[in-house]
All heavy atoms as atom14 arrays in JSON, in Angstrom:
{
  "sequence": "AAEECKKLNVKSALPKVIITMRKALNLGSFFTTGTDEVRQWTIRNGT",
  "atom14_mask": [
    [1, 1, 1, 1, 1, 0, 0, 0, 0, 0, 0, 0, 0, 0],
    [1, 1, 1, 1, 1, 0, 0, 0, 0, 0, 0, 0, 0, 0],
    [1, 1, 1, 1, 1, 1, 1, 1, 1, 0, 0, 0, 0, 0],
    [1, 1, 1, 1, 1, 1, 1, 1, 1, 0, 0, 0, 0, 0],
    [1, 1, 1, 1, 1, 1, 0, 0, 0, 0, 0, 0, 0, 0],
    [1, 1, 1, 1, 1, 1, 1, 1, 1, 0, 0, 0, 0, 0],
    [1, 1, 1, 1, 1, 1, 1, 1, 1, 0, 0, 0, 0, 0],
    [1, 1, 1, 1, 1, 1, 1, 1, 0, 0, 0, 0, 0, 0],
    [1, 1, 1, 1, 1, 1, 1, 1, 0, 0, 0, 0, 0, 0],
    [1, 1, 1, 1, 1, 1, 1, 0, 0, 0, 0, 0, 0, 0],
    [1, 1, 1, 1, 1, 1, 1, 1, 1, 0, 0, 0, 0, 0],
    [1, 1, 1, 1, 1, 1, 0, 0, 0, 0, 0, 0, 0, 0],
    [1, 1, 1, 1, 1, 0, 0, 0, 0, 0, 0, 0, 0, 0],
    [1, 1, 1, 1, 1, 1, 1, 1, 0, 0, 0, 0, 0, 0],
    [1, 1, 1, 1, 1, 1, 1, 0, 0, 0, 0, 0, 0, 0],
    [1, 1, 1, 1, 1, 1, 1, 1, 1, 0, 0, 0, 0, 0],
    [1, 1, 1, 1, 1, 1, 1, 0, 0, 0, 0, 0, 0, 0],
    [1, 1, 1, 1, 1, 1, 1, 1, 0, 0, 0, 0, 0, 0],
    [1, 1, 1, 1, 1, 1, 1, 1, 0, 0, 0, 0, 0, 0],
    [1, 1, 1, 1, 1, 1, 1, 0, 0, 0, 0, 0, 0, 0],
    [1, 1, 1, 1, 1, 1, 1, 1, 0, 0, 0, 0, 0, 0],
    [1, 1, 1, 1, 1, 1, 1, 1, 1, 1, 1, 0, 0, 0],
    [1, 1, 1, 1, 1, 1, 1, 1, 1, 0, 0, 0, 0, 0],
    [1, 1, 1, 1, 1, 0, 0, 0, 0, 0, 0, 0, 0, 0],
    [1, 1, 1, 1, 1, 1, 1, 1, 0, 0, 0, 0, 0, 0],
    [1, 1, 1, 1, 1, 1, 1, 1, 0, 0, 0, 0, 0, 0],
    [1, 1, 1, 1, 1, 1, 1, 1, 0, 0, 0, 0, 0, 0],
    [1, 1, 1, 1, 0, 0, 0, 0, 0, 0, 0, 0, 0, 0],
    [1, 1, 1, 1, 1, 1, 0, 0, 0, 0, 0, 0, 0, 0],
    [1, 1, 1, 1, 1, 1, 1, 1, 1, 1, 1, 0, 0, 0],
    [1, 1, 1, 1, 1, 1, 1, 1, 1, 1, 1, 0, 0, 0],
    [1, 1, 1, 1, 1, 1, 1, 0, 0, 0, 0, 0, 0, 0],
    [1, 1, 1, 1, 1, 1, 1, 0, 0, 0, 0, 0, 0, 0],
    [1, 1, 1, 1, 0, 0, 0, 0, 0, 0, 0, 0, 0, 0],
    [1, 1, 1, 1, 1, 1, 1, 0, 0, 0, 0, 0, 0, 0],
    [1, 1, 1, 1, 1, 1, 1, 1, 0, 0, 0, 0, 0, 0],
    [1, 1, 1, 1, 1, 1, 1, 1, 1, 0, 0, 0, 0, 0],
    [1, 1, 1, 1, 1, 1, 1, 0, 0, 0, 0, 0, 0, 0],
    [1, 1, 1, 1, 1, 1, 1, 1, 1, 1, 1, 0, 0, 0],
    [1, 1, 1, 1, 1, 1, 1, 1, 1, 0, 0, 0, 0, 0],
    [1, 1, 1, 1, 1, 1, 1, 1, 1, 1, 1, 1, 1, 1],
    [1, 1, 1, 1, 1, 1, 1, 0, 0, 0, 0, 0, 0, 0],
    [1, 1, 1, 1, 1, 1, 1, 1, 0, 0, 0, 0, 0, 0],
    [1, 1, 1, 1, 1, 1, 1, 1, 1, 1, 1, 0, 0, 0],
    [1, 1, 1, 1, 1, 1, 1, 1, 0, 0, 0, 0, 0, 0],
    [1, 1, 1, 1, 0, 0, 0, 0, 0, 0, 0, 0, 0, 0],
    [1, 1, 1, 1, 1, 1, 1, 0, 0, 0, 0, 0, 0, 0]
  ],
  "atom14_positions": [
    [[35.48, -19.1, -67.34], [34.15, -19.71, -67.5], [33.11, -18.95, -66.7], [31.99, -18.69, -67.18], [34.2, -21.17, -67.06], [0.0, 0.0, 0.0], [0.0, 0.0, 0.0], [0.0, 0.0, 0.0], [0.0, 0.0, 0.0], [0.0, 0.0, 0.0], [0.0, 0.0, 0.0], [0.0, 0.0, 0.0], [0.0, 0.0, 0.0], [0.0, 0.0, 0.0]],
    [[33.47, -18.56, -65.46], [32.55, -17.79, -64.61], [32.24, -16.44, -65.25], [31.09, -15.98, -65.25], [33.15, -17.6, -63.22], [0.0, 0.0, 0.0], [0.0, 0.0, 0.0], [0.0, 0.0, 0.0], [0.0, 0.0, 0.0], [0.0, 0.0, 0.0], [0.0, 0.0, 0.0], [0.0, 0.0, 0.0], [0.0, 0.0, 0.0], [0.0, 0.0, 0.0]],
    [[33.26, -15.81, -65.81], [33.1, -14.52, -66.47], [32.21, -14.65, -67.71], [31.35, -13.81, -67.96], [34.49, -13.97, -66.87], [34.49, -12.51, -67.3], [33.96, -11.56, -66.24], [34.27, -11.73, -65.05], [33.2, -10.64, -66.63], [0.0, 0.0, 0.0], [0.0, 0.0, 0.0], [0.0, 0.0, 0.0], [0.0, 0.0, 0.0], [0.0, 0.0, 0.0]],
    [[32.42, -15.73, -68.46], [31.63, -15.98, -69.67], [30.15, -16.17, -69.32], [29.27, -15.62, -69.97], [32.17, -17.23, -70.4], [31.44, -17.61, -71.67], [31.7, -16.7, -72.85], [32.39, -15.67, -72.7], [31.18, -16.99, -73.95], [0.0, 0.0, 0.0], [0.0, 0.0, 0.0], [0.0, 0.0, 0.0], [0.0, 0.0, 0.0], [0.0, 0.0, 0.0]],
    [[29.88, -16.95, -68.28], [28.49, -17.18, -67.85], [27.84, -15.87, -67.38], [26.67, -15.61, -67.66], [28.45, -18.23, -66.73], [28.77, -19.9, -67.3], [0.0, 0.0, 0.0], [0.0, 0.0, 0.0], [0.0, 0.0, 0.0], [0.0, 0.0, 0.0], [0.0, 0.0, 0.0], [0.0, 0.0, 0.0], [0.0, 0.0, 0.0], [0.0, 0.0, 0.0]],
    [[28.64, -15.06, -66.67], [28.13, -13.77, -66.19], [27.8, -12.85, -67.35], [26.75, -12.19, -67.38], [29.18, -13.13, -65.27], [28.68, -11.89, -64.54], [29.76, -11.35, -63.61], [29.3, -10.07, -62.92], [30.36, -9.49, -62.07], [0.0, 0.0, 0.0], [0.0, 0.0, 0.0], [0.0, 0.0, 0.0], [0.0, 0.0, 0.0], [0.0, 0.0, 0.0]],
    [[28.69, -12.82, -68.32], [28.51, -11.97, -69.5], [27.25, -12.38, -70.29], [26.49, -11.54, -70.76], [29.75, -12.07, -70.41], [29.72, -11.16, -71.63], [31.0, -11.26, -72.44], [30.98, -12.5, -73.3], [32.16, -12.62, -74.18], [0.0, 0.0, 0.0], [0.0, 0.0, 0.0], [0.0, 0.0, 0.0], [0.0, 0.0, 0.0], [0.0, 0.0, 0.0]],
    [[27.03, -13.71, -70.39], [25.88, -14.23, -71.16], [24.62, -14.34, -70.3], [23.57, -14.74, -70.81], [26.22, -15.6, -71.74], [27.37, -15.63, -72.76], [27.78, -17.06, -73.07], [26.96, -14.91, -74.05], [0.0, 0.0, 0.0], [0.0, 0.0, 0.0], [0.0, 0.0, 0.0], [0.0, 0.0, 0.0], [0.0, 0.0, 0.0], [0.0, 0.0, 0.0]],
    [[24.75, -14.02, -68.99], [23.62, -14.09, -68.06], [23.0, -15.49, -68.04], [21.79, -15.68, -68.18], [22.55, -13.05, -68.41], [21.53, -12.89, -67.28], [21.86, -13.1, -66.12], [20.3, -12.54, -67.64], [0.0, 0.0, 0.0], [0.0, 0.0, 0.0], [0.0, 0.0, 0.0], [0.0, 0.0, 0.0], [0.0, 0.0, 0.0], [0.0, 0.0, 0.0]],
    [[23.87, -16.5, -67.89], [23.43, -17.89, -67.89], [24.3, -18.68, -66.92], [25.41, -18.26, -66.58], [23.51, -18.47, -69.33], [24.95, -18.69, -69.75], [22.7, -19.74, -69.45], [0.0, 0.0, 0.0], [0.0, 0.0, 0.0], [0.0, 0.0, 0.0], [0.0, 0.0, 0.0], [0.0, 0.0, 0.0], [0.0, 0.0, 0.0], [0.0, 0.0, 0.0]],
    [[23.8, -19.8, -66.44], [24.58, -20.68, -65.56], [24.87, -21.99, -66.25], [24.07, -22.44, -67.09], [23.8, -20.98, -64.27], [23.68, -19.8, -63.33], [22.91, -20.23, -62.08], [22.78, -19.07, -61.09], [21.98, -19.47, -59.91], [0.0, 0.0, 0.0], [0.0, 0.0, 0.0], [0.0, 0.0, 0.0], [0.0, 0.0, 0.0], [0.0, 0.0, 0.0]],
    [[25.97, -22.63, -65.87], [26.23, -24.0, -66.31], [25.12, -24.88, -65.73], [24.71, -24.71, -64.59], [27.58, -24.48, -65.81], [27.68, -25.89, -65.91], [0.0, 0.0, 0.0], [0.0, 0.0, 0.0], [0.0, 0.0, 0.0], [0.0, 0.0, 0.0], [0.0, 0.0, 0.0], [0.0, 0.0, 0.0], [0.0, 0.0, 0.0], [0.0, 0.0, 0.0]],
    [[24.63, -25.83, -66.55], [23.57, -26.73, -66.07], [24.12, -27.93, -65.33], [23.37, -28.69, -64.72], [22.72, -27.2, -67.26], [0.0, 0.0, 0.0], [0.0, 0.0, 0.0], [0.0, 0.0, 0.0], [0.0, 0.0, 0.0], [0.0, 0.0, 0.0], [0.0, 0.0, 0.0], [0.0, 0.0, 0.0], [0.0, 0.0, 0.0], [0.0, 0.0, 0.0]],
    [[25.45, -28.13, -65.37], [26.03, -29.35, -64.81], [25.78, -29.53, -63.3], [25.46, -30.64, -62.87], [27.53, -29.42, -65.12], [27.87, -29.6, -66.61], [29.37, -29.69, -66.79], [27.19, -30.82, -67.2], [0.0, 0.0, 0.0], [0.0, 0.0, 0.0], [0.0, 0.0, 0.0], [0.0, 0.0, 0.0], [0.0, 0.0, 0.0], [0.0, 0.0, 0.0]],
    [[25.93, -28.48, -62.47], [25.62, -28.69, -61.05], [24.2, -29.18, -60.83], [23.96, -30.1, -60.04], [25.84, -27.3, -60.43], [26.84, -26.65, -61.34], [26.48, -27.13, -62.72], [0.0, 0.0, 0.0], [0.0, 0.0, 0.0], [0.0, 0.0, 0.0], [0.0, 0.0, 0.0], [0.0, 0.0, 0.0], [0.0, 0.0, 0.0], [0.0, 0.0, 0.0]],
    [[23.25, -28.61, -61.57], [21.84, -29.02, -61.44], [21.67, -30.48, -61.88], [20.91, -31.24, -61.27], [20.95, -28.11, -62.27], [19.47, -28.38, -62.08], [18.61, -27.42, -62.88], [17.12, -27.7, -62.65], [16.26, -26.81, -63.43], [0.0, 0.0, 0.0], [0.0, 0.0, 0.0], [0.0, 0.0, 0.0], [0.0, 0.0, 0.0], [0.0, 0.0, 0.0]],
    [[22.39, -30.87, -62.94], [22.31, -32.24, -63.45], [22.73, -33.22, -62.36], [22.05, -34.22, -62.09], [23.21, -32.4, -64.71], [23.43, -33.87, -65.05], [22.59, -31.67, -65.89], [0.0, 0.0, 0.0], [0.0, 0.0, 0.0], [0.0, 0.0, 0.0], [0.0, 0.0, 0.0], [0.0, 0.0, 0.0], [0.0, 0.0, 0.0], [0.0, 0.0, 0.0]],
    [[23.86, -32.95, -61.7], [24.39, -33.85, -60.67], [23.48, -33.89, -59.44], [23.15, -34.95, -58.92], [25.81, -33.42, -60.25], [26.77, -33.5, -61.45], [26.33, -34.29, -59.1], [26.97, -34.87, -62.03], [0.0, 0.0, 0.0], [0.0, 0.0, 0.0], [0.0, 0.0, 0.0], [0.0, 0.0, 0.0], [0.0, 0.0, 0.0], [0.0, 0.0, 0.0]],
    [[23.03, -32.71, -58.99], [22.18, -32.63, -57.8], [20.83, -33.33, -58.05], [20.32, -34.04, -57.18], [21.98, -31.15, -57.38], [23.3, -30.59, -56.84], [20.89, -31.02, -56.33], [23.35, -29.08, -56.75], [0.0, 0.0, 0.0], [0.0, 0.0, 0.0], [0.0, 0.0, 0.0], [0.0, 0.0, 0.0], [0.0, 0.0, 0.0], [0.0, 0.0, 0.0]],
    [[20.28, -33.14, -59.25], [18.99, -33.77, -59.58], [19.11, -35.27, -59.6], [18.21, -35.99, -59.14], [18.47, -33.25, -60.94], [18.37, -31.82, -60.9], [17.1, -33.83, -61.28], [0.0, 0.0, 0.0], [0.0, 0.0, 0.0], [0.0, 0.0, 0.0], [0.0, 0.0, 0.0], [0.0, 0.0, 0.0], [0.0, 0.0, 0.0], [0.0, 0.0, 0.0]],
    [[20.24, -35.79, -60.13], [20.42, -37.24, -60.15], [20.55, -37.8, -58.74], [19.99, -38.85, -58.42], [21.65, -37.6, -60.99], [21.92, -39.11, -61.05], [20.47, -40.1, -61.53], [20.46, -39.86, -63.3], [0.0, 0.0, 0.0], [0.0, 0.0, 0.0], [0.0, 0.0, 0.0], [0.0, 0.0, 0.0], [0.0, 0.0, 0.0], [0.0, 0.0, 0.0]],
    [[21.27, -37.1, -57.87], [21.37, -37.57, -56.47], [19.99, -37.63, -55.82], [19.68, -38.57, -55.08], [22.29, -36.64, -55.67], [23.73, -37.12, -55.66], [24.63, -36.11, -55.0], [24.35, -35.88, -53.61], [24.93, -36.51, -52.59], [25.8, -37.45, -52.81], [24.65, -36.2, -51.34], [0.0, 0.0, 0.0], [0.0, 0.0, 0.0], [0.0, 0.0, 0.0]],
    [[19.17, -36.64, -56.13], [17.82, -36.63, -55.58], [17.0, -37.8, -56.13], [16.26, -38.46, -55.41], [17.15, -35.28, -55.93], [15.84, -35.05, -55.2], [15.29, -33.67, -55.49], [13.95, -33.46, -54.81], [13.35, -32.16, -55.15], [0.0, 0.0, 0.0], [0.0, 0.0, 0.0], [0.0, 0.0, 0.0], [0.0, 0.0, 0.0], [0.0, 0.0, 0.0]],
    [[17.15, -38.06, -57.44], [16.43, -39.17, -58.07], [16.84, -40.51, -57.47], [16.03, -41.43, -57.35], [16.69, -39.18, -59.59], [0.0, 0.0, 0.0], [0.0, 0.0, 0.0], [0.0, 0.0, 0.0], [0.0, 0.0, 0.0], [0.0, 0.0, 0.0], [0.0, 0.0, 0.0], [0.0, 0.0, 0.0], [0.0, 0.0, 0.0], [0.0, 0.0, 0.0]],
    [[18.1, -40.62, -57.06], [18.61, -41.84, -56.43], [18.31, -41.89, -54.94], [18.68, -42.84, -54.26], [20.13, -41.94, -56.64], [20.59, -42.37, -58.04], [22.08, -42.09, -58.22], [20.29, -43.84, -58.3], [0.0, 0.0, 0.0], [0.0, 0.0, 0.0], [0.0, 0.0, 0.0], [0.0, 0.0, 0.0], [0.0, 0.0, 0.0], [0.0, 0.0, 0.0]],
    [[17.65, -40.84, -54.43], [17.31, -40.73, -53.01], [18.55, -40.75, -52.12], [18.6, -41.38, -51.08], [16.35, -41.86, -52.6], [15.64, -41.57, -51.28], [15.29, -40.43, -51.0], [15.47, -42.59, -50.46], [0.0, 0.0, 0.0], [0.0, 0.0, 0.0], [0.0, 0.0, 0.0], [0.0, 0.0, 0.0], [0.0, 0.0, 0.0], [0.0, 0.0, 0.0]],
    [[19.59, -40.03, -52.59], [20.84, -39.95, -51.83], [20.91, -38.66, -51.02], [20.41, -37.62, -51.45], [22.04, -40.01, -52.8], [22.23, -41.31, -53.58], [23.34, -41.16, -54.61], [22.53, -42.47, -52.65], [0.0, 0.0, 0.0], [0.0, 0.0, 0.0], [0.0, 0.0, 0.0], [0.0, 0.0, 0.0], [0.0, 0.0, 0.0], [0.0, 0.0, 0.0]],
    [[21.53, -38.76, -49.88], [21.77, -37.6, -49.04], [23.2, -37.61, -48.54], [24.01, -38.44, -48.98], [0.0, 0.0, 0.0], [0.0, 0.0, 0.0], [0.0, 0.0, 0.0], [0.0, 0.0, 0.0], [0.0, 0.0, 0.0], [0.0, 0.0, 0.0], [0.0, 0.0, 0.0], [0.0, 0.0, 0.0], [0.0, 0.0, 0.0], [0.0, 0.0, 0.0]],
    [[23.54, -36.71, -47.63], [24.92, -36.62, -47.14], [24.95, -36.4, -45.63], [24.05, -35.8, -45.06], [25.63, -35.42, -47.78], [25.75, -35.57, -49.16], [0.0, 0.0, 0.0], [0.0, 0.0, 0.0], [0.0, 0.0, 0.0], [0.0, 0.0, 0.0], [0.0, 0.0, 0.0], [0.0, 0.0, 0.0], [0.0, 0.0, 0.0], [0.0, 0.0, 0.0]],
    [[26.01, -36.91, -45.03], [26.38, -36.44, -43.69], [27.85, -36.06, -43.74], [28.57, -36.39, -44.7], [26.08, -37.5, -42.61], [26.99, -38.7, -42.6], [28.16, -38.71, -41.84], [26.68, -39.84, -43.34], [28.99, -39.82, -41.82], [27.5, -40.96, -43.32], [28.67, -40.95, -42.56], [0.0, 0.0, 0.0], [0.0, 0.0, 0.0], [0.0, 0.0, 0.0]],
    [[28.29, -35.33, -42.72], [29.66, -34.8, -42.72], [30.42, -35.26, -41.48], [29.83, -35.46, -40.41], [29.65, -33.26, -42.72], [28.93, -32.67, -43.89], [27.57, -32.34, -43.82], [29.6, -32.42, -45.09], [26.91, -31.79, -44.9], [28.94, -31.87, -46.17], [27.59, -31.54, -46.09], [0.0, 0.0, 0.0], [0.0, 0.0, 0.0], [0.0, 0.0, 0.0]],
    [[31.73, -35.43, -41.64], [32.63, -35.53, -40.5], [33.57, -34.33, -40.62], [34.03, -34.01, -41.73], [33.42, -36.86, -40.49], [34.03, -37.07, -41.77], [32.5, -38.03, -40.18], [0.0, 0.0, 0.0], [0.0, 0.0, 0.0], [0.0, 0.0, 0.0], [0.0, 0.0, 0.0], [0.0, 0.0, 0.0], [0.0, 0.0, 0.0], [0.0, 0.0, 0.0]],
    [[33.8, -33.65, -39.51], [34.51, -32.36, -39.58], [35.63, -32.26, -38.56], [35.66, -33.0, -37.57], [33.52, -31.2, -39.34], [32.91, -31.4, -38.05], [32.44, -31.15, -40.41], [0.0, 0.0, 0.0], [0.0, 0.0, 0.0], [0.0, 0.0, 0.0], [0.0, 0.0, 0.0], [0.0, 0.0, 0.0], [0.0, 0.0, 0.0], [0.0, 0.0, 0.0]],
    [[36.52, -31.33, -38.82], [37.63, -31.06, -37.91], [38.74, -30.35, -38.66], [38.66, -30.15, -39.87], [0.0, 0.0, 0.0], [0.0, 0.0, 0.0], [0.0, 0.0, 0.0], [0.0, 0.0, 0.0], [0.0, 0.0, 0.0], [0.0, 0.0, 0.0], [0.0, 0.0, 0.0], [0.0, 0.0, 0.0], [0.0, 0.0, 0.0], [0.0, 0.0, 0.0]],
    [[39.78, -29.97, -37.94], [40.88, -29.24, -38.6], [41.75, -30.16, -39.44], [42.47, -29.71, -40.31], [41.74, -28.51, -37.55], [42.13, -29.46, -36.55], [40.96, -27.38, -36.9], [0.0, 0.0, 0.0], [0.0, 0.0, 0.0], [0.0, 0.0, 0.0], [0.0, 0.0, 0.0], [0.0, 0.0, 0.0], [0.0, 0.0, 0.0], [0.0, 0.0, 0.0]],
    [[41.69, -31.48, -39.15], [42.46, -32.43, -39.97], [41.75, -32.7, -41.3], [42.38, -32.74, -42.34], [42.66, -33.76, -39.23], [43.79, -33.66, -38.21], [44.64, -32.77, -38.36], [43.79, -34.46, -37.25], [0.0, 0.0, 0.0], [0.0, 0.0, 0.0], [0.0, 0.0, 0.0], [0.0, 0.0, 0.0], [0.0, 0.0, 0.0], [0.0, 0.0, 0.0]],
    [[40.43, -32.92, -41.22], [39.69, -33.27, -42.44], [38.23, -32.87, -42.34], [37.6, -33.01, -41.29], [39.79, -34.78, -42.69], [39.05, -35.24, -43.93], [39.11, -36.75, -44.12], [38.29, -37.47, -43.52], [40.0, -37.21, -44.89], [0.0, 0.0, 0.0], [0.0, 0.0, 0.0], [0.0, 0.0, 0.0], [0.0, 0.0, 0.0], [0.0, 0.0, 0.0]],
    [[37.7, -32.36, -43.46], [36.25, -32.22, -43.64], [35.89, -33.16, -44.78], [36.47, -33.08, -45.87], [35.85, -30.77, -43.99], [34.41, -30.71, -44.46], [36.04, -29.85, -42.78], [0.0, 0.0, 0.0], [0.0, 0.0, 0.0], [0.0, 0.0, 0.0], [0.0, 0.0, 0.0], [0.0, 0.0, 0.0], [0.0, 0.0, 0.0], [0.0, 0.0, 0.0]],
    [[34.96, -34.09, -44.5], [34.58, -35.05, -45.53], [33.06, -35.15, -45.62], [32.36, -35.14, -44.6], [35.16, -36.43, -45.22], [34.9, -37.46, -46.34], [35.4, -38.84, -45.94], [36.84, -38.96, -45.99], [37.51, -39.74, -46.84], [36.85, -40.45, -47.74], [38.81, -39.81, -46.79], [0.0, 0.0, 0.0], [0.0, 0.0, 0.0], [0.0, 0.0, 0.0]],
    [[32.58, -35.23, -46.85], [31.15, -35.4, -47.09], [30.91, -36.85, -47.53], [31.5, -37.31, -48.5], [30.68, -34.44, -48.19], [29.18, -34.49, -48.47], [28.74, -33.39, -49.42], [29.56, -32.63, -49.92], [27.46, -33.3, -49.69], [0.0, 0.0, 0.0], [0.0, 0.0, 0.0], [0.0, 0.0, 0.0], [0.0, 0.0, 0.0], [0.0, 0.0, 0.0]],
    [[30.06, -37.56, -46.78], [29.78, -38.96, -47.04], [28.4, -39.1, -47.68], [27.47, -38.41, -47.3], [29.82, -39.77, -45.74], [31.1, -39.65, -44.99], [31.43, -38.71, -44.06], [32.25, -40.51, -45.11], [32.71, -38.93, -43.59], [33.23, -40.03, -44.21], [32.54, -41.65, -45.88], [34.47, -40.64, -44.06], [33.78, -42.25, -45.73], [34.73, -41.75, -44.83]],
    [[28.28, -40.03, -48.61], [27.01, -40.25, -49.31], [26.27, -41.44, -48.72], [26.86, -42.51, -48.54], [27.25, -40.51, -50.81], [27.87, -39.35, -51.38], [25.95, -40.78, -51.54], [0.0, 0.0, 0.0], [0.0, 0.0, 0.0], [0.0, 0.0, 0.0], [0.0, 0.0, 0.0], [0.0, 0.0, 0.0], [0.0, 0.0, 0.0], [0.0, 0.0, 0.0]],
    [[24.99, -41.24, -48.41], [24.14, -42.34, -47.92], [22.77, -42.25, -48.58], [22.39, -41.21, -49.1], [23.95, -42.3, -46.39], [23.46, -40.91, -45.93], [25.21, -42.73, -45.67], [22.99, -40.87, -44.49], [0.0, 0.0, 0.0], [0.0, 0.0, 0.0], [0.0, 0.0, 0.0], [0.0, 0.0, 0.0], [0.0, 0.0, 0.0], [0.0, 0.0, 0.0]],
    [[22.05, -43.34, -48.55], [20.65, -43.35, -48.98], [19.83, -42.67, -47.89], [20.06, -42.92, -46.69], [20.23, -44.81, -49.12], [19.3, -45.19, -50.26], [19.85, -45.04, -51.63], [18.82, -45.22, -52.63], [18.52, -46.38, -53.18], [19.14, -47.48, -52.8], [17.6, -46.46, -54.11], [0.0, 0.0, 0.0], [0.0, 0.0, 0.0], [0.0, 0.0, 0.0]],
    [[18.93, -41.78, -48.24], [18.04, -41.17, -47.24], [17.29, -42.26, -46.5], [16.81, -43.23, -47.12], [17.06, -40.2, -47.92], [17.76, -38.95, -48.41], [18.66, -38.43, -47.76], [17.37, -38.46, -49.59], [0.0, 0.0, 0.0], [0.0, 0.0, 0.0], [0.0, 0.0, 0.0], [0.0, 0.0, 0.0], [0.0, 0.0, 0.0], [0.0, 0.0, 0.0]],
    [[17.17, -42.13, -45.2], [16.52, -43.16, -44.39], [17.5, -44.12, -43.75], [17.1, -45.02, -43.01], [0.0, 0.0, 0.0], [0.0, 0.0, 0.0], [0.0, 0.0, 0.0], [0.0, 0.0, 0.0], [0.0, 0.0, 0.0], [0.0, 0.0, 0.0], [0.0, 0.0, 0.0], [0.0, 0.0, 0.0], [0.0, 0.0, 0.0], [0.0, 0.0, 0.0]],
    [[18.81, -43.92, -43.98], [19.84, -44.79, -43.41], [19.97, -44.55, -41.9], [20.0, -43.41, -41.46], [21.2, -44.54, -44.1], [21.07, -44.86, -45.49], [22.31, -45.39, -43.51], [0.0, 0.0, 0.0], [0.0, 0.0, 0.0], [0.0, 0.0, 0.0], [0.0, 0.0, 0.0], [0.0, 0.0, 0.0], [0.0, 0.0, 0.0], [0.0, 0.0, 0.0]]
  ]
}
């Protein structure tokens, strides 16, 4: 799929679709990190 997009000089629109919807919902992220686990948590901006 990556090779096909490169050959056609185009990107999949799906990442943009998901990111734009999160922005429309006013969602953001914080992280908890370490060698056991890296996790991305979803919160409403302003939390």
